[in-house]
């Protein structure tokens, strides 16, 4: 498959961003390619398009499947596995948040709870106890927030994120630009 310049730049950038987020570059590029293409692709096509080894594609697809970001599909008359990802950015966002929470936040919260409930915890200096408890409190709040956000429909989640940006501007006291109505950012806040 021949990529357009836009697709090429998107795939390359997504690979770079994936590396910054701790995800293998090829894993990120395959996901970006499937997302940008919007249609199922087989492993050989992915390998040829990205110019990476077939074994690298195979391992990357397994990782994407483990993250629930790619699923296998089939075509009549073709025995090969085809791979696709959601083309809905909100669904992808929710999948990444859910997977990261399960893999990173939940185990950390369990360990922090174990530490705080251990009899040896009381032997720690009070300032260390405070830091560990405040870390646990923050992690619990973030996990609860993530659970609540995952329960929302994409439309409601979009409204919450937009509202959150408006609230942040209001709390900071950001001034409206020269050409804007000075009360414009207040007008977008619902009356509570």
Protein backbone atom coordinates (compact mmCIF):
# COMPACT_ATOMS: atom_id res chain seq x y z
CA UNK A 1 0.00 0.00 0.00
CA UNK A 2 1.32 3.44 -0.89
CA UNK A 3 0.90 6.03 1.87
CA UNK A 4 -0.01 9.61 1.12
CA UNK A 5 2.32 12.26 2.55
CA UNK A 6 -0.26 13.07 5.24
CA UNK A 7 -0.60 9.40 6.22
CA UNK A 8 3.19 8.95 6.23
CA UNK A 9 3.68 11.95 8.54
CA UNK A 10 0.86 10.80 10.83
CA UNK A 11 2.27 7.26 11.11
CA UNK A 12 5.83 8.50 11.72
CA UNK A 13 4.74 11.02 14.33
CA UNK A 14 2.52 8.50 16.11
CA UNK A 15 5.51 6.15 16.29
CA UNK A 16 7.62 8.91 17.84
CA UNK A 17 4.88 9.76 20.34
CA UNK A 18 4.46 6.10 21.22
CA UNK A 19 8.15 5.91 22.08
CA UNK A 20 7.73 8.88 24.41
CA UNK A 21 4.80 7.11 26.11
CA UNK A 22 6.82 3.93 26.59
CA UNK A 23 5.30 2.05 23.65
CA UNK A 24 7.43 0.38 20.98
CA UNK A 25 7.70 2.54 17.84
CA UNK A 26 6.51 -0.21 15.48
CA UNK A 27 3.54 -1.00 17.70
CA UNK A 28 2.52 2.66 17.54
CA UNK A 29 3.11 2.91 13.81
CA UNK A 30 0.99 -0.17 13.08
CA UNK A 31 -1.82 1.23 15.18
CA UNK A 32 -1.55 4.60 13.44
CA UNK A 33 -1.55 2.96 10.02
CA UNK A 34 -4.65 0.88 10.78
CA UNK A 35 -6.37 3.96 12.21
CA UNK A 36 -5.48 6.24 9.30
CA UNK A 37 -6.28 3.60 6.66
CA UNK A 38 -9.59 2.76 8.33
CA UNK A 39 -9.78 -0.72 6.77
CA UNK A 40 -8.49 -4.14 7.86
CA UNK A 41 -4.98 -5.05 6.70
CA UNK A 42 -3.08 -8.35 6.81
CA UNK A 43 0.36 -8.67 8.38
CA UNK A 44 2.26 -8.84 5.07
CA UNK A 45 0.64 -5.60 3.91
CA UNK A 46 1.53 -3.91 7.19
CA UNK A 47 5.10 -5.17 6.91
CA UNK A 48 5.50 -3.97 3.33
CA UNK A 49 3.87 -0.59 3.92
CA UNK A 50 5.97 0.21 6.99
CA UNK A 51 9.15 -1.43 5.74
CA UNK A 52 9.60 -3.53 8.88
CA UNK A 53 10.26 -7.23 9.37
CA UNK A 54 7.29 -9.57 9.35
CA UNK A 55 8.34 -10.92 12.78
CA UNK A 56 8.31 -7.37 14.16
CA UNK A 57 4.78 -6.88 12.78
CA UNK A 58 3.64 -10.18 14.30
CA UNK A 59 5.00 -9.29 17.76
CA UNK A 60 3.58 -5.77 17.53
CA UNK A 61 0.14 -7.07 16.58
CA UNK A 62 0.18 -9.41 19.59
CA UNK A 63 0.94 -6.45 21.84
CA UNK A 64 -1.83 -4.36 20.27
CA UNK A 65 -4.25 -7.26 20.75
CA UNK A 66 -3.19 -7.56 24.41
CA UNK A 67 -4.06 -3.86 24.81
CA UNK A 68 -7.45 -4.47 23.11
CA UNK A 69 -6.54 -1.90 20.47
CA UNK A 70 -6.54 -4.30 17.50
CA UNK A 71 -8.84 -7.15 16.66
CA UNK A 72 -8.64 -9.96 14.12
CA UNK A 73 -11.10 -10.12 11.27
CA UNK A 74 -11.40 -12.33 8.20
CA UNK A 75 -12.33 -12.00 4.55
CA UNK A 76 -14.26 -14.64 2.60
CA UNK A 77 -11.95 -16.73 0.45
CA UNK A 78 -8.81 -15.51 2.23
CA UNK A 79 -7.26 -17.62 4.98
CA UNK A 80 -5.07 -14.80 6.30
CA UNK A 81 -5.85 -12.89 9.46
CA UNK A 82 -6.68 -9.25 8.90
CA UNK A 83 -6.30 -6.67 11.63
CA UNK A 84 -8.35 -3.60 12.35
CA UNK A 85 -8.66 -0.95 15.01
CA UNK A 86 -11.51 1.29 15.95
CA UNK A 87 -11.74 4.47 13.91
CA UNK A 88 -13.62 6.15 16.79
CA UNK A 89 -11.13 8.31 18.73
CA UNK A 90 -13.32 8.26 21.84
CA UNK A 91 -13.45 4.47 21.85
CA UNK A 92 -9.66 4.35 21.49
CA UNK A 93 -9.23 6.92 24.27
CA UNK A 94 -11.48 4.90 26.58
CA UNK A 95 -9.61 1.67 25.75
CA UNK A 96 -6.22 3.23 26.51
CA UNK A 97 -7.46 4.77 29.78
CA UNK A 98 -9.09 1.50 30.88
CA UNK A 99 -6.01 -0.60 29.99
CA UNK A 100 -3.52 1.79 31.61
CA UNK A 101 -5.66 2.00 34.74
CA UNK A 102 -5.83 -1.80 35.02
CA UNK A 103 -2.10 -2.26 34.34
CA UNK A 104 -0.64 0.72 36.21
CA UNK A 105 -3.01 2.42 38.63
CA UNK A 106 -4.83 -0.56 40.15
CA UNK A 107 -1.64 -2.52 41.04
CA UNK A 108 -0.06 0.64 42.50
CA UNK A 109 -3.12 1.29 44.65
CA UNK A 110 -3.07 -2.32 45.89
CA UNK A 111 0.60 -2.02 46.91
CA UNK A 112 0.04 1.34 48.63
CA UNK A 113 -2.93 -0.10 50.57
CA UNK A 114 -0.79 -3.07 51.62
CA UNK A 115 1.96 -0.73 52.79
CA UNK A 116 -0.39 1.49 54.81
CA UNK A 117 -2.14 -1.48 56.44
CA UNK A 118 1.13 -3.21 57.37
CA UNK A 119 2.04 -3.13 61.07
CA UNK A 120 5.53 -1.99 60.03
CA UNK A 121 4.08 1.14 58.44
CA UNK A 122 3.76 2.78 61.86
CA UNK A 123 7.53 2.40 62.30
CA UNK A 124 8.16 4.69 59.33
CA UNK A 125 8.89 8.38 60.05
CA UNK A 126 5.66 10.43 60.18
CA UNK A 127 6.62 12.53 57.14
CA UNK A 128 7.22 9.36 55.09
CA UNK A 129 3.83 8.00 56.23
CA UNK A 130 2.20 11.26 55.14
CA UNK A 131 3.82 11.10 51.69
CA UNK A 132 2.75 7.50 51.14
CA UNK A 133 -0.81 8.20 52.35
CA UNK A 134 -1.10 11.29 50.16
CA UNK A 135 0.18 9.29 47.18
CA UNK A 136 -2.44 6.63 47.88
CA UNK A 137 -5.12 9.30 48.22
CA UNK A 138 -4.16 10.89 44.90
CA UNK A 139 -4.05 7.51 43.12
CA UNK A 140 -7.47 6.60 44.55
CA UNK A 141 -8.95 9.89 43.35
CA UNK A 142 -7.48 9.50 39.87
CA UNK A 143 -8.72 5.89 39.65
CA UNK A 144 -12.22 6.95 40.75
CA UNK A 145 -12.18 9.81 38.23
CA UNK A 146 -11.08 7.41 35.46
CA UNK A 147 -13.86 4.95 36.36
CA UNK A 148 -16.44 7.75 36.24
CA UNK A 149 -15.14 9.04 32.90
CA UNK A 150 -15.26 5.52 31.43
CA UNK A 151 -18.95 5.27 32.33
CA UNK A 152 -19.81 8.33 30.22
CA UNK A 153 -20.92 8.21 26.62
CA UNK A 154 -18.51 9.79 24.12
CA UNK A 155 -20.83 12.79 23.70
CA UNK A 156 -21.03 13.39 27.43
CA UNK A 157 -17.29 12.85 27.83
CA UNK A 158 -16.66 15.46 25.14
CA UNK A 159 -18.89 17.92 27.03
CA UNK A 160 -17.12 17.18 30.33
CA UNK A 161 -13.68 17.80 28.80
CA UNK A 162 -14.89 21.02 27.17
CA UNK A 163 -16.48 22.14 30.43
CA UNK A 164 -13.28 21.27 32.30
CA UNK A 165 -11.28 23.57 30.02
CA UNK A 166 -13.79 26.37 30.62
CA UNK A 167 -13.67 25.85 34.39
CA UNK A 168 -9.86 25.94 34.36
CA UNK A 169 -9.88 29.25 32.47
CA UNK A 170 -12.46 30.65 34.87
CA UNK A 171 -10.53 29.53 37.97
CA UNK A 172 -7.27 30.98 36.59
CA UNK A 173 -9.07 34.22 35.76
CA UNK A 174 -7.92 34.17 32.13
CA UNK A 175 -8.80 37.38 30.35
CA UNK A 176 -10.62 37.27 27.04
CA UNK A 177 -8.75 38.37 23.91
CA UNK A 178 -9.16 41.85 22.42
CA UNK A 179 -11.73 40.76 19.87
CA UNK A 180 -13.71 38.57 22.26
CA UNK A 181 -16.62 39.36 24.50
CA UNK A 182 -15.03 39.63 27.99
CA UNK A 183 -17.80 37.43 29.43
CA UNK A 184 -17.66 34.83 26.62
CA UNK A 185 -15.78 32.24 28.66
CA UNK A 186 -18.32 32.63 31.49
CA UNK A 187 -21.24 32.16 29.10
CA UNK A 188 -20.18 28.62 28.28
CA UNK A 189 -20.46 27.55 31.93
CA UNK A 190 -23.82 26.06 32.87
CA UNK A 191 -25.74 27.61 35.71
CA UNK A 192 -25.43 25.37 38.76
